[in-house]
Amino acid sequence: MEQPTKRYRVRRTGERASLAILSVISVGVLLAVGCGQQSAQPDAESQQDVTTSGTNLLPEHVLVASDVVQNYFPEVDHQTTTGENANAPGAPEATRMVIYEGGEGRKVTISVDQYPSPDAASTAFEQAIDTSEVVQGFAPLPAPPNVGDKSFAGMVTQGADTHIGYGALAGEYIVGVTSAGYPATPENSAKLTDLTREAVAKVEPA
């Protein structure tokens, strides 16, 4: 059963990620790696309220809509999966992720993980960073400015596959935005930055 939540918006504290964050991989990159291994499901709607770990599901409206994603990445023209974020760090109270796919292996994953408190979210955020340091093929990217309380970015290249991930801490939430099948060009990085900003805005106060 979906856990009711009192709110889906949080306050921005004005803190920014330290330079050290730029030296580690993001939650989003980890999600992208998992995304690349996940098989597409033809009936995404049937999975919307299915979990494998017992974690509650956030409502879909906490995620940016498909038309917002396609505004930046028009090639990803269909949703393949939505449900819990099994890769969420720590012990979230509820999660939600969605995967959009297009031709030639292109994917964009959006995730939102909600924690019992901003402190719990911050701890999980740092835990994800620490865990990510050992991922082979990681390279840091500049963290997106003015996104959430803390933000970071990185990419992983393994063989012919490149995954670019952006993550942000926003109060009691961790938001992840990743792409797979796109080169890490300045243009694509700018698109991911803007998409991450929109995804974080969904859980920030109006």
N, C-alpha and C. Protein backbone atom coordinates (compact mmCIF):
# COMPACT_ATOMS: atom_id res chain seq x y z
N MET A 1 0.85 -1.20 0.00
CA MET A 1 0.00 0.00 0.00
C MET A 1 0.88 1.24 0.00
N GLU A 2 0.50 2.18 -0.78
CA GLU A 2 1.27 3.42 -0.86
C GLU A 2 1.16 4.22 0.43
N GLN A 3 2.29 4.65 0.94
CA GLN A 3 2.31 5.40 2.19
C GLN A 3 1.90 6.85 1.95
N PRO A 4 0.90 7.32 2.68
CA PRO A 4 0.54 8.73 2.51
C PRO A 4 1.65 9.61 3.03
N THR A 5 1.88 10.69 2.38
CA THR A 5 2.90 11.62 2.83
C THR A 5 2.26 12.97 3.07
N LYS A 6 2.75 13.68 4.06
CA LYS A 6 2.16 14.96 4.41
C LYS A 6 2.50 16.04 3.44
N ARG A 7 3.67 15.89 2.78
CA ARG A 7 4.07 16.91 1.83
C ARG A 7 5.10 16.34 0.89
N TYR A 8 5.26 16.99 -0.23
CA TYR A 8 6.24 16.56 -1.20
C TYR A 8 7.16 17.70 -1.56
N ARG A 9 7.17 18.75 -0.74
CA ARG A 9 7.99 19.92 -1.01
C ARG A 9 8.83 20.25 0.21
N VAL A 10 10.02 20.74 -0.04
CA VAL A 10 10.93 20.98 1.07
C VAL A 10 11.56 22.35 0.93
N ARG A 11 12.24 22.79 1.98
CA ARG A 11 12.91 24.08 1.96
C ARG A 11 14.33 23.93 1.45
N ARG A 12 14.80 24.90 0.71
CA ARG A 12 16.20 24.96 0.31
C ARG A 12 16.98 25.64 1.42
N THR A 13 18.09 25.02 1.84
CA THR A 13 18.85 25.58 2.94
C THR A 13 19.93 26.54 2.47
N GLY A 14 20.23 26.51 1.18
CA GLY A 14 21.24 27.41 0.65
C GLY A 14 22.63 26.83 0.69
N GLU A 15 22.81 25.60 1.22
CA GLU A 15 24.13 24.99 1.23
C GLU A 15 24.49 24.52 -0.17
N ARG A 16 25.77 24.48 -0.45
CA ARG A 16 26.24 24.00 -1.75
C ARG A 16 27.22 22.86 -1.54
N ALA A 17 27.34 22.04 -2.56
CA ALA A 17 28.26 20.91 -2.46
C ALA A 17 29.69 21.39 -2.37
N SER A 18 30.49 20.71 -1.61
CA SER A 18 31.91 21.04 -1.52
C SER A 18 32.62 20.55 -2.76
N LEU A 19 33.86 21.04 -2.96
CA LEU A 19 34.62 20.60 -4.11
C LEU A 19 34.91 19.11 -4.06
N ALA A 20 34.92 18.54 -2.86
CA ALA A 20 35.19 17.11 -2.76
C ALA A 20 34.14 16.27 -3.47
N ILE A 21 32.92 16.79 -3.54
CA ILE A 21 31.85 16.04 -4.20
C ILE A 21 32.17 15.83 -5.67
N LEU A 22 32.91 16.74 -6.26
CA LEU A 22 33.23 16.62 -7.66
C LEU A 22 34.16 15.45 -7.95
N SER A 23 34.77 14.87 -6.91
CA SER A 23 35.72 13.79 -7.12
C SER A 23 35.09 12.41 -6.99
N VAL A 24 33.75 12.36 -6.81
CA VAL A 24 33.10 11.08 -6.65
C VAL A 24 31.90 10.98 -7.57
N ILE A 25 31.43 9.76 -7.72
CA ILE A 25 30.31 9.48 -8.62
C ILE A 25 28.99 9.87 -7.98
N SER A 26 27.99 10.14 -8.77
CA SER A 26 26.70 10.53 -8.22
C SER A 26 25.76 9.36 -8.09
N VAL A 27 24.75 9.54 -7.23
CA VAL A 27 23.66 8.57 -7.14
C VAL A 27 23.09 8.32 -8.52
N GLY A 28 22.94 9.37 -9.28
CA GLY A 28 22.35 9.24 -10.61
C GLY A 28 23.13 8.32 -11.51
N VAL A 29 24.46 8.36 -11.44
CA VAL A 29 25.25 7.47 -12.28
C VAL A 29 25.01 6.03 -11.87
N LEU A 30 24.94 5.77 -10.57
CA LEU A 30 24.65 4.41 -10.13
C LEU A 30 23.31 3.95 -10.66
N LEU A 31 22.34 4.84 -10.67
CA LEU A 31 21.03 4.48 -11.21
C LEU A 31 21.13 4.18 -12.69
N ALA A 32 21.94 4.94 -13.39
CA ALA A 32 22.07 4.72 -14.82
C ALA A 32 22.68 3.36 -15.11
N VAL A 33 23.66 2.96 -14.30
CA VAL A 33 24.25 1.64 -14.50
C VAL A 33 23.20 0.56 -14.30
N GLY A 34 22.38 0.72 -13.24
CA GLY A 34 21.31 -0.23 -13.02
C GLY A 34 20.29 -0.19 -14.13
N CYS A 35 20.02 1.02 -14.62
CA CYS A 35 19.07 1.19 -15.71
C CYS A 35 19.52 0.44 -16.94
N GLY A 36 20.80 0.48 -17.20
CA GLY A 36 21.32 -0.19 -18.39
C GLY A 36 21.19 -1.68 -18.31
N GLN A 37 21.08 -2.22 -17.08
CA GLN A 37 20.98 -3.66 -16.91
C GLN A 37 19.54 -4.13 -16.79
N GLN A 38 18.62 -3.19 -16.68
CA GLN A 38 17.23 -3.54 -16.44
C GLN A 38 16.53 -3.77 -17.76
N SER A 39 15.78 -4.84 -17.85
CA SER A 39 15.09 -5.15 -19.09
C SER A 39 13.86 -4.28 -19.22
N ALA A 40 13.53 -3.91 -20.43
CA ALA A 40 12.36 -3.08 -20.69
C ALA A 40 11.10 -3.90 -20.47
N GLN A 41 10.07 -3.25 -19.96
CA GLN A 41 8.80 -3.89 -19.72
C GLN A 41 7.76 -3.26 -20.62
N PRO A 42 7.04 -4.06 -21.41
CA PRO A 42 6.08 -3.49 -22.34
C PRO A 42 4.88 -2.86 -21.67
N ASP A 43 4.55 -3.29 -20.45
CA ASP A 43 3.36 -2.78 -19.78
C ASP A 43 3.78 -2.07 -18.52
N ALA A 44 4.28 -0.84 -18.66
CA ALA A 44 4.82 -0.11 -17.51
C ALA A 44 3.73 0.19 -16.50
N GLU A 45 2.51 0.44 -16.95
CA GLU A 45 1.45 0.83 -16.04
C GLU A 45 1.19 -0.25 -15.01
N SER A 46 1.33 -1.53 -15.39
CA SER A 46 1.04 -2.61 -14.47
C SER A 46 2.05 -2.67 -13.34
N GLN A 47 3.22 -2.03 -13.50
CA GLN A 47 4.26 -2.08 -12.49
C GLN A 47 4.24 -0.88 -11.56
N GLN A 48 3.35 0.05 -11.73
CA GLN A 48 3.43 1.31 -11.03
C GLN A 48 3.39 1.15 -9.51
N ASP A 49 2.70 0.15 -9.02
CA ASP A 49 2.59 -0.01 -7.58
C ASP A 49 3.20 -1.34 -7.13
N VAL A 50 4.21 -1.81 -7.85
CA VAL A 50 4.88 -3.04 -7.50
C VAL A 50 6.26 -2.72 -6.94
N THR A 51 6.57 -3.30 -5.79
CA THR A 51 7.89 -3.14 -5.21
C THR A 51 8.48 -4.51 -4.92
N THR A 52 9.79 -4.55 -4.80
CA THR A 52 10.45 -5.81 -4.48
C THR A 52 11.04 -5.81 -3.09
N SER A 53 11.15 -4.65 -2.46
CA SER A 53 11.80 -4.57 -1.16
C SER A 53 10.85 -4.16 -0.04
N GLY A 54 9.61 -3.88 -0.36
CA GLY A 54 8.68 -3.41 0.65
C GLY A 54 8.70 -1.91 0.85
N THR A 55 9.55 -1.19 0.12
CA THR A 55 9.59 0.26 0.22
C THR A 55 8.32 0.85 -0.36
N ASN A 56 7.77 1.86 0.29
CA ASN A 56 6.57 2.51 -0.21
C ASN A 56 6.88 3.31 -1.47
N LEU A 57 5.86 3.49 -2.28
CA LEU A 57 6.00 4.24 -3.52
C LEU A 57 5.49 5.66 -3.37
N LEU A 58 6.28 6.60 -3.83
CA LEU A 58 5.81 7.98 -3.95
C LEU A 58 4.85 8.07 -5.13
N PRO A 59 3.93 9.00 -5.11
CA PRO A 59 3.04 9.18 -6.26
C PRO A 59 3.84 9.67 -7.47
N GLU A 60 3.36 9.35 -8.63
CA GLU A 60 4.09 9.67 -9.86
C GLU A 60 4.25 11.18 -10.07
N HIS A 61 3.36 11.98 -9.48
CA HIS A 61 3.45 13.41 -9.75
C HIS A 61 4.66 14.07 -9.10
N VAL A 62 5.42 13.35 -8.26
CA VAL A 62 6.65 13.94 -7.74
C VAL A 62 7.77 13.93 -8.78
N LEU A 63 7.56 13.21 -9.87
CA LEU A 63 8.54 13.15 -10.96
C LEU A 63 8.15 14.12 -12.06
N VAL A 64 9.14 14.64 -12.77
CA VAL A 64 8.82 15.46 -13.93
C VAL A 64 8.09 14.62 -14.97
N ALA A 65 7.19 15.23 -15.69
CA ALA A 65 6.38 14.52 -16.67
C ALA A 65 7.19 14.17 -17.91
N SER A 66 6.67 13.24 -18.68
CA SER A 66 7.38 12.77 -19.87
C SER A 66 7.62 13.88 -20.89
N ASP A 67 6.68 14.82 -20.99
CA ASP A 67 6.87 15.89 -21.97
C ASP A 67 8.03 16.81 -21.58
N VAL A 68 8.28 16.92 -20.26
CA VAL A 68 9.43 17.71 -19.81
C VAL A 68 10.73 17.01 -20.20
N VAL A 69 10.78 15.70 -20.00
CA VAL A 69 11.96 14.94 -20.38
C VAL A 69 12.20 15.04 -21.89
N GLN A 70 11.13 14.89 -22.66
CA GLN A 70 11.28 14.93 -24.11
C GLN A 70 11.62 16.31 -24.63
N ASN A 71 11.36 17.32 -23.85
CA ASN A 71 11.76 18.67 -24.24
C ASN A 71 13.28 18.76 -24.36
N TYR A 72 13.98 18.00 -23.52
CA TYR A 72 15.44 17.99 -23.54
C TYR A 72 15.99 16.82 -24.36
N PHE A 73 15.32 15.68 -24.29
CA PHE A 73 15.80 14.48 -24.98
C PHE A 73 14.65 13.87 -25.78
N PRO A 74 14.33 14.46 -26.94
CA PRO A 74 13.16 13.99 -27.71
C PRO A 74 13.29 12.56 -28.21
N GLU A 75 14.51 12.03 -28.20
CA GLU A 75 14.71 10.67 -28.71
C GLU A 75 14.11 9.61 -27.79
N VAL A 76 13.98 9.93 -26.50
CA VAL A 76 13.41 8.94 -25.57
C VAL A 76 11.90 9.11 -25.59
N ASP A 77 11.27 8.34 -26.43
CA ASP A 77 9.87 8.59 -26.77
C ASP A 77 8.87 7.66 -26.10
N HIS A 78 9.33 6.76 -25.21
CA HIS A 78 8.38 5.91 -24.52
C HIS A 78 8.89 5.51 -23.14
N GLN A 79 7.95 5.34 -22.23
CA GLN A 79 8.26 4.90 -20.86
C GLN A 79 8.28 3.39 -20.83
N THR A 80 9.30 2.82 -20.19
CA THR A 80 9.38 1.36 -20.11
C THR A 80 9.15 0.84 -18.71
N THR A 81 9.52 1.59 -17.70
CA THR A 81 9.42 1.09 -16.33
C THR A 81 9.14 2.23 -15.37
N THR A 82 8.31 1.96 -14.37
CA THR A 82 8.17 2.87 -13.24
C THR A 82 7.89 2.04 -12.01
N GLY A 83 8.34 2.50 -10.87
CA GLY A 83 8.16 1.76 -9.63
C GLY A 83 9.16 2.23 -8.61
N GLU A 84 9.53 1.36 -7.68
CA GLU A 84 10.48 1.74 -6.64
C GLU A 84 11.88 1.92 -7.21
N ASN A 85 12.67 2.69 -6.54
CA ASN A 85 14.08 2.83 -6.87
C ASN A 85 14.86 1.87 -5.99
N ALA A 86 15.14 0.69 -6.50
CA ALA A 86 15.80 -0.34 -5.71
C ALA A 86 17.24 0.03 -5.38
N ASN A 87 17.81 1.02 -6.07
CA ASN A 87 19.19 1.43 -5.83
C ASN A 87 19.29 2.62 -4.87
N ALA A 88 18.19 3.01 -4.26
CA ALA A 88 18.22 4.16 -3.36
C ALA A 88 19.15 3.89 -2.19
N PRO A 89 20.02 4.85 -1.83
CA PRO A 89 20.93 4.64 -0.71
C PRO A 89 20.22 4.75 0.62
N GLY A 90 20.81 4.15 1.64
CA GLY A 90 20.25 4.27 2.98
C GLY A 90 18.91 3.56 3.12
N ALA A 91 18.04 4.15 3.92
CA ALA A 91 16.73 3.55 4.20
C ALA A 91 15.64 4.58 3.96
N PRO A 92 15.27 4.80 2.69
CA PRO A 92 14.22 5.79 2.41
C PRO A 92 12.86 5.30 2.87
N GLU A 93 11.98 6.26 3.16
CA GLU A 93 10.60 5.92 3.51
C GLU A 93 9.80 5.55 2.27
N ALA A 94 10.11 6.19 1.15
CA ALA A 94 9.38 5.94 -0.09
C ALA A 94 10.25 6.39 -1.26
N THR A 95 10.05 5.76 -2.40
CA THR A 95 10.82 6.10 -3.59
C THR A 95 9.92 6.04 -4.82
N ARG A 96 10.43 6.56 -5.90
CA ARG A 96 9.77 6.41 -7.21
C ARG A 96 10.81 6.67 -8.28
N MET A 97 10.82 5.85 -9.31
CA MET A 97 11.69 6.08 -10.44
C MET A 97 10.93 5.77 -11.71
N VAL A 98 11.42 6.33 -12.80
CA VAL A 98 10.84 6.05 -14.11
C VAL A 98 11.97 6.03 -15.13
N ILE A 99 11.86 5.13 -16.08
CA ILE A 99 12.84 5.01 -17.16
C ILE A 99 12.15 5.27 -18.49
N TYR A 100 12.74 6.18 -19.25
CA TYR A 100 12.29 6.45 -20.61
C TYR A 100 13.35 5.95 -21.57
N GLU A 101 12.91 5.38 -22.68
CA GLU A 101 13.85 4.83 -23.65
C GLU A 101 13.56 5.33 -25.06
N GLY A 102 14.59 5.26 -25.88
CA GLY A 102 14.47 5.57 -27.29
C GLY A 102 15.35 4.62 -28.08
N GLY A 103 15.57 4.91 -29.34
CA GLY A 103 16.39 4.06 -30.17
C GLY A 103 17.86 4.13 -29.83
N GLU A 104 18.61 3.16 -30.30
CA GLU A 104 20.06 3.11 -30.16
C GLU A 104 20.52 3.12 -28.70
N GLY A 105 19.74 2.48 -27.85
CA GLY A 105 20.14 2.33 -26.46
C GLY A 105 20.05 3.58 -25.61
N ARG A 106 19.35 4.60 -26.06
CA ARG A 106 19.25 5.83 -25.28
C ARG A 106 18.21 5.66 -24.17
N LYS A 107 18.58 6.12 -22.97
CA LYS A 107 17.69 6.04 -21.82
C LYS A 107 17.87 7.28 -20.95
N VAL A 108 16.79 7.67 -20.30
CA VAL A 108 16.84 8.70 -19.28
C VAL A 108 16.06 8.18 -18.08
N THR A 109 16.70 8.24 -16.91
CA THR A 109 16.08 7.76 -15.67
C THR A 109 15.91 8.94 -14.71
N ILE A 110 14.73 9.04 -14.13
CA ILE A 110 14.45 10.04 -13.11
C ILE A 110 14.07 9.31 -11.83
N SER A 111 14.62 9.74 -10.70
CA SER A 111 14.27 9.11 -9.44
C SER A 111 14.12 10.15 -8.35
N VAL A 112 13.24 9.83 -7.38
CA VAL A 112 13.07 10.66 -6.18
C VAL A 112 12.98 9.70 -5.00
N ASP A 113 13.82 9.92 -3.99
CA ASP A 113 13.81 9.11 -2.78
C ASP A 113 13.52 10.01 -1.59
N GLN A 114 12.55 9.64 -0.77
CA GLN A 114 12.16 10.44 0.39
C GLN A 114 12.62 9.76 1.67
N TYR A 115 13.21 10.55 2.59
CA TYR A 115 13.74 10.03 3.84
C TYR A 115 12.98 10.61 5.03
N PRO A 116 13.15 10.01 6.21
CA PRO A 116 12.38 10.48 7.37
C PRO A 116 12.66 11.93 7.75
N SER A 117 13.85 12.42 7.41
CA SER A 117 14.22 13.79 7.79
C SER A 117 15.31 14.27 6.85
N PRO A 118 15.55 15.59 6.81
CA PRO A 118 16.67 16.10 6.02
C PRO A 118 18.01 15.52 6.45
N ASP A 119 18.19 15.28 7.76
CA ASP A 119 19.45 14.70 8.23
C ASP A 119 19.63 13.28 7.69
N ALA A 120 18.55 12.50 7.68
CA ALA A 120 18.63 11.14 7.15
C ALA A 120 18.94 11.16 5.67
N ALA A 121 18.34 12.10 4.95
CA ALA A 121 18.62 12.22 3.51
C ALA A 121 20.06 12.62 3.27
N SER A 122 20.58 13.54 4.08
CA SER A 122 21.96 13.98 3.94
C SER A 122 22.93 12.84 4.19
N THR A 123 22.64 12.02 5.21
CA THR A 123 23.49 10.87 5.51
C THR A 123 23.49 9.89 4.35
N ALA A 124 22.31 9.63 3.78
CA ALA A 124 22.21 8.71 2.64
C ALA A 124 22.94 9.28 1.42
N PHE A 125 22.85 10.58 1.26
CA PHE A 125 23.52 11.26 0.15
C PHE A 125 25.04 11.04 0.25
N GLU A 126 25.59 11.26 1.43
CA GLU A 126 27.02 11.07 1.62
C GLU A 126 27.41 9.60 1.50
N GLN A 127 26.54 8.71 1.96
CA GLN A 127 26.79 7.28 1.84
C GLN A 127 26.89 6.88 0.38
N ALA A 128 25.99 7.42 -0.45
CA ALA A 128 26.02 7.10 -1.87
C ALA A 128 27.32 7.58 -2.51
N ILE A 129 27.78 8.75 -2.09
CA ILE A 129 29.04 9.28 -2.61
C ILE A 129 30.20 8.37 -2.24
N ASP A 130 30.26 7.96 -0.96
CA ASP A 130 31.35 7.10 -0.51
C ASP A 130 31.36 5.76 -1.25
N THR A 131 30.17 5.18 -1.41
CA THR A 131 30.06 3.90 -2.09
C THR A 131 30.49 3.99 -3.54
N SER A 132 30.25 5.14 -4.13
CA SER A 132 30.47 5.31 -5.56
C SER A 132 31.94 5.50 -5.94
N GLU A 133 32.78 5.79 -4.98
CA GLU A 133 34.17 6.08 -5.28
C GLU A 133 34.88 4.92 -5.97
N VAL A 134 34.41 3.70 -5.74
CA VAL A 134 35.11 2.53 -6.27
C VAL A 134 34.61 2.10 -7.65
N VAL A 135 33.64 2.79 -8.20
CA VAL A 135 33.10 2.39 -9.50
C VAL A 135 34.13 2.60 -10.59
N GLN A 136 34.40 1.55 -11.33
CA GLN A 136 35.40 1.62 -12.39
C GLN A 136 34.92 2.50 -13.55
N GLY A 137 35.80 3.31 -14.06
CA GLY A 137 35.47 4.13 -15.22
C GLY A 137 34.84 5.46 -14.89
N PHE A 138 34.82 5.83 -13.61
CA PHE A 138 34.19 7.09 -13.22
C PHE A 138 35.06 8.30 -13.56
N ALA A 139 34.40 9.38 -13.98
CA ALA A 139 35.06 10.67 -14.17
C ALA A 139 34.12 11.75 -13.65
N PRO A 140 34.63 12.69 -12.86
CA PRO A 140 33.76 13.74 -12.32
C PRO A 140 33.35 14.74 -13.38
N LEU A 141 32.21 15.36 -13.17
CA LEU A 141 31.73 16.47 -13.99
C LEU A 141 31.40 17.63 -13.05
N PRO A 142 31.41 18.85 -13.54
CA PRO A 142 31.05 19.97 -12.67
C PRO A 142 29.65 19.81 -12.11
N ALA A 143 29.51 20.02 -10.82
CA ALA A 143 28.19 19.92 -10.20
C ALA A 143 27.30 21.04 -10.71
N PRO A 144 26.02 20.77 -10.96
CA PRO A 144 25.12 21.83 -11.44
C PRO A 144 24.93 22.89 -10.37
N PRO A 145 25.09 24.16 -10.70
CA PRO A 145 24.96 25.22 -9.69
C PRO A 145 23.51 25.50 -9.35
N ASN A 146 23.30 25.93 -8.12
CA ASN A 146 21.97 26.37 -7.68
C ASN A 146 20.90 25.30 -7.87
N VAL A 147 21.26 24.07 -7.52
CA VAL A 147 20.31 22.96 -7.61
C VAL A 147 20.24 22.28 -6.25
N GLY A 148 19.12 22.43 -5.56
CA GLY A 148 18.95 21.80 -4.27
C GLY A 148 19.90 22.35 -3.22
N ASP A 149 20.09 21.57 -2.15
CA ASP A 149 20.98 21.94 -1.06
C ASP A 149 22.42 21.55 -1.38
N LYS A 150 22.59 20.43 -2.02
CA LYS A 150 23.89 19.96 -2.51
C LYS A 150 23.64 19.26 -3.84
N SER A 151 24.64 19.27 -4.70
CA SER A 151 24.49 18.60 -5.98
C SER A 151 25.84 18.06 -6.42
N PHE A 152 25.81 17.11 -7.34
CA PHE A 152 27.04 16.55 -7.86
C PHE A 152 26.75 15.92 -9.21
N ALA A 153 27.79 15.59 -9.94
CA ALA A 153 27.63 15.01 -11.27
C ALA A 153 28.85 14.18 -11.62
N GLY A 154 28.65 13.20 -12.45
CA GLY A 154 29.75 12.38 -12.90
C GLY A 154 29.31 11.49 -14.04
N MET A 155 30.27 10.81 -14.63
CA MET A 155 29.93 9.87 -15.69
C MET A 155 30.76 8.61 -15.53
N VAL A 156 30.23 7.53 -16.03
CA VAL A 156 30.92 6.25 -16.03
C VAL A 156 30.95 5.73 -17.46
N THR A 157 32.14 5.40 -17.92
CA THR A 157 32.29 4.79 -19.24
C THR A 157 32.87 3.40 -19.05
N GLN A 158 32.14 2.41 -19.48
CA GLN A 158 32.58 1.03 -19.42
C GLN A 158 32.35 0.41 -20.78
N GLY A 159 33.45 0.18 -21.48
CA GLY A 159 33.34 -0.30 -22.85
C GLY A 159 32.75 0.78 -23.73
N ALA A 160 31.70 0.43 -24.45
CA ALA A 160 31.06 1.39 -25.35
C ALA A 160 29.93 2.15 -24.67
N ASP A 161 29.66 1.84 -23.40
CA ASP A 161 28.53 2.45 -22.70
C ASP A 161 28.98 3.63 -21.86
N THR A 162 28.28 4.74 -22.00
CA THR A 162 28.53 5.92 -21.18
C THR A 162 27.25 6.30 -20.44
N HIS A 163 27.35 6.45 -19.14
CA HIS A 163 26.23 6.86 -18.30
C HIS A 163 26.61 8.17 -17.63
N ILE A 164 25.75 9.15 -17.74
CA ILE A 164 25.98 10.46 -17.14
C ILE A 164 24.92 10.66 -16.06
N GLY A 165 25.36 11.01 -14.86
CA GLY A 165 24.42 11.13 -13.75
C GLY A 165 24.53 12.44 -13.02
N TYR A 166 23.40 12.99 -12.69
CA TYR A 166 23.31 14.19 -11.85
C TYR A 166 22.46 13.84 -10.64
N GLY A 167 22.89 14.29 -9.47
CA GLY A 167 22.13 14.05 -8.26
C GLY A 167 22.05 15.30 -7.42
N ALA A 168 20.99 15.40 -6.63
CA ALA A 168 20.81 16.58 -5.78
C ALA A 168 20.13 16.18 -4.49
N LEU A 169 20.59 16.80 -3.41
CA LEU A 169 19.95 16.68 -2.11
C LEU A 169 19.02 17.88 -1.94
N ALA A 170 17.77 17.62 -1.61
CA ALA A 170 16.79 18.69 -1.43
C ALA A 170 15.96 18.39 -0.20
N GLY A 171 16.42 18.88 0.94
CA GLY A 171 15.70 18.61 2.18
C GLY A 171 15.69 17.13 2.49
N GLU A 172 14.51 16.54 2.58
CA GLU A 172 14.39 15.12 2.89
C GLU A 172 14.38 14.24 1.63
N TYR A 173 14.71 14.81 0.50
CA TYR A 173 14.68 14.08 -0.76
C TYR A 173 16.06 14.01 -1.41
N ILE A 174 16.30 12.93 -2.12
CA ILE A 174 17.42 12.82 -3.05
C ILE A 174 16.82 12.63 -4.43
N VAL A 175 17.23 13.47 -5.36
CA VAL A 175 16.73 13.43 -6.74
C VAL A 175 17.87 13.01 -7.65
N GLY A 176 17.60 12.07 -8.53
CA GLY A 176 18.61 11.63 -9.49
C GLY A 176 18.10 11.74 -10.91
N VAL A 177 18.96 12.18 -11.81
CA VAL A 177 18.65 12.25 -13.24
C VAL A 177 19.84 11.68 -13.99
N THR A 178 19.62 10.69 -14.81
CA THR A 178 20.72 10.06 -15.53
C THR A 178 20.37 9.86 -17.00
N SER A 179 21.41 9.76 -17.79
CA SER A 179 21.22 9.41 -19.20
C SER A 179 22.16 8.28 -19.55
N ALA A 180 21.77 7.48 -20.50
CA ALA A 180 22.60 6.41 -21.03
C ALA A 180 22.51 6.47 -22.55
N GLY A 181 23.62 6.23 -23.20
CA GLY A 181 23.63 6.24 -24.65
C GLY A 181 23.87 7.60 -25.26
N TYR A 182 24.18 8.59 -24.42
CA TYR A 182 24.48 9.94 -24.88
C TYR A 182 25.93 10.27 -24.54
N PRO A 183 26.67 10.90 -25.44
CA PRO A 183 28.03 11.32 -25.12
C PRO A 183 28.01 12.48 -24.13
N ALA A 184 29.10 12.61 -23.39
CA ALA A 184 29.19 13.67 -22.38
C ALA A 184 29.66 14.97 -23.02
N THR A 185 28.85 15.49 -23.92
CA THR A 185 29.17 16.75 -24.58
C THR A 185 28.67 17.91 -23.72
N PRO A 186 29.21 19.10 -23.90
CA PRO A 186 28.68 20.26 -23.16
C PRO A 186 27.18 20.45 -23.36
N GLU A 187 26.71 20.18 -24.56
CA GLU A 187 25.28 20.34 -24.83
C GLU A 187 24.45 19.36 -24.00
N ASN A 188 24.86 18.09 -23.98
CA ASN A 188 24.11 17.11 -23.20
C ASN A 188 24.21 17.37 -21.71
N SER A 189 25.37 17.83 -21.26
CA SER A 189 25.52 18.18 -19.85
C SER A 189 24.60 19.33 -19.47
N ALA A 190 24.48 20.32 -20.36
CA ALA A 190 23.59 21.45 -20.10
C ALA A 190 22.14 20.98 -20.03
N LYS A 191 21.77 20.06 -20.90
CA LYS A 191 20.41 19.53 -20.88
C LYS A 191 20.12 18.80 -19.57
N LEU A 192 21.08 17.99 -19.12
CA LEU A 192 20.90 17.26 -17.88
C LEU A 192 20.83 18.21 -16.68
N THR A 193 21.63 19.26 -16.72
CA THR A 193 21.58 20.25 -15.65
C THR A 193 20.19 20.87 -15.57
N ASP A 194 19.65 21.29 -16.70
CA ASP A 194 18.34 21.92 -16.70
C ASP A 194 17.24 20.94 -16.30
N LEU A 195 17.36 19.69 -16.77
CA LEU A 195 16.37 18.68 -16.41
C LEU A 195 16.44 18.37 -14.91
N THR A 196 17.65 18.32 -14.36
CA THR A 196 17.81 18.09 -12.92
C THR A 196 17.18 19.24 -12.14
N ARG A 197 17.39 20.45 -12.60
CA ARG A 197 16.81 21.62 -11.93
C ARG A 197 15.28 21.52 -11.92
N GLU A 198 14.69 21.09 -13.02
CA GLU A 198 13.25 20.94 -13.06
C GLU A 198 12.78 19.81 -12.16
N ALA A 199 13.56 18.72 -12.12
CA ALA A 199 13.18 17.59 -11.26
C ALA A 199 13.23 17.97 -9.79
N VAL A 200 14.24 18.74 -9.40
CA VAL A 200 14.34 19.19 -8.01
C VAL A 200 13.22 20.17 -7.67
N ALA A 201 12.86 21.00 -8.63
CA ALA A 201 11.80 21.98 -8.39
C ALA A 201 10.47 21.30 -8.05
N LYS A 202 10.29 20.05 -8.48
CA LYS A 202 9.05 19.34 -8.17
C LYS A 202 8.91 19.04 -6.68
N VAL A 203 10.03 19.00 -5.95
CA VAL A 203 9.94 18.70 -4.52
C VAL A 203 10.34 19.90 -3.66
N GLU A 204 10.50 21.05 -4.29
CA GLU A 204 10.82 22.28 -3.57
C GLU A 204 9.57 23.14 -3.44
N PRO A 205 9.59 24.07 -2.51
CA PRO A 205 8.41 24.92 -2.34
C PRO A 205 8.17 25.79 -3.56
N ALA A 206 6.91 26.07 -3.81
CA ALA A 206 6.56 26.92 -4.96
C ALA A 206 7.07 28.32 -4.76
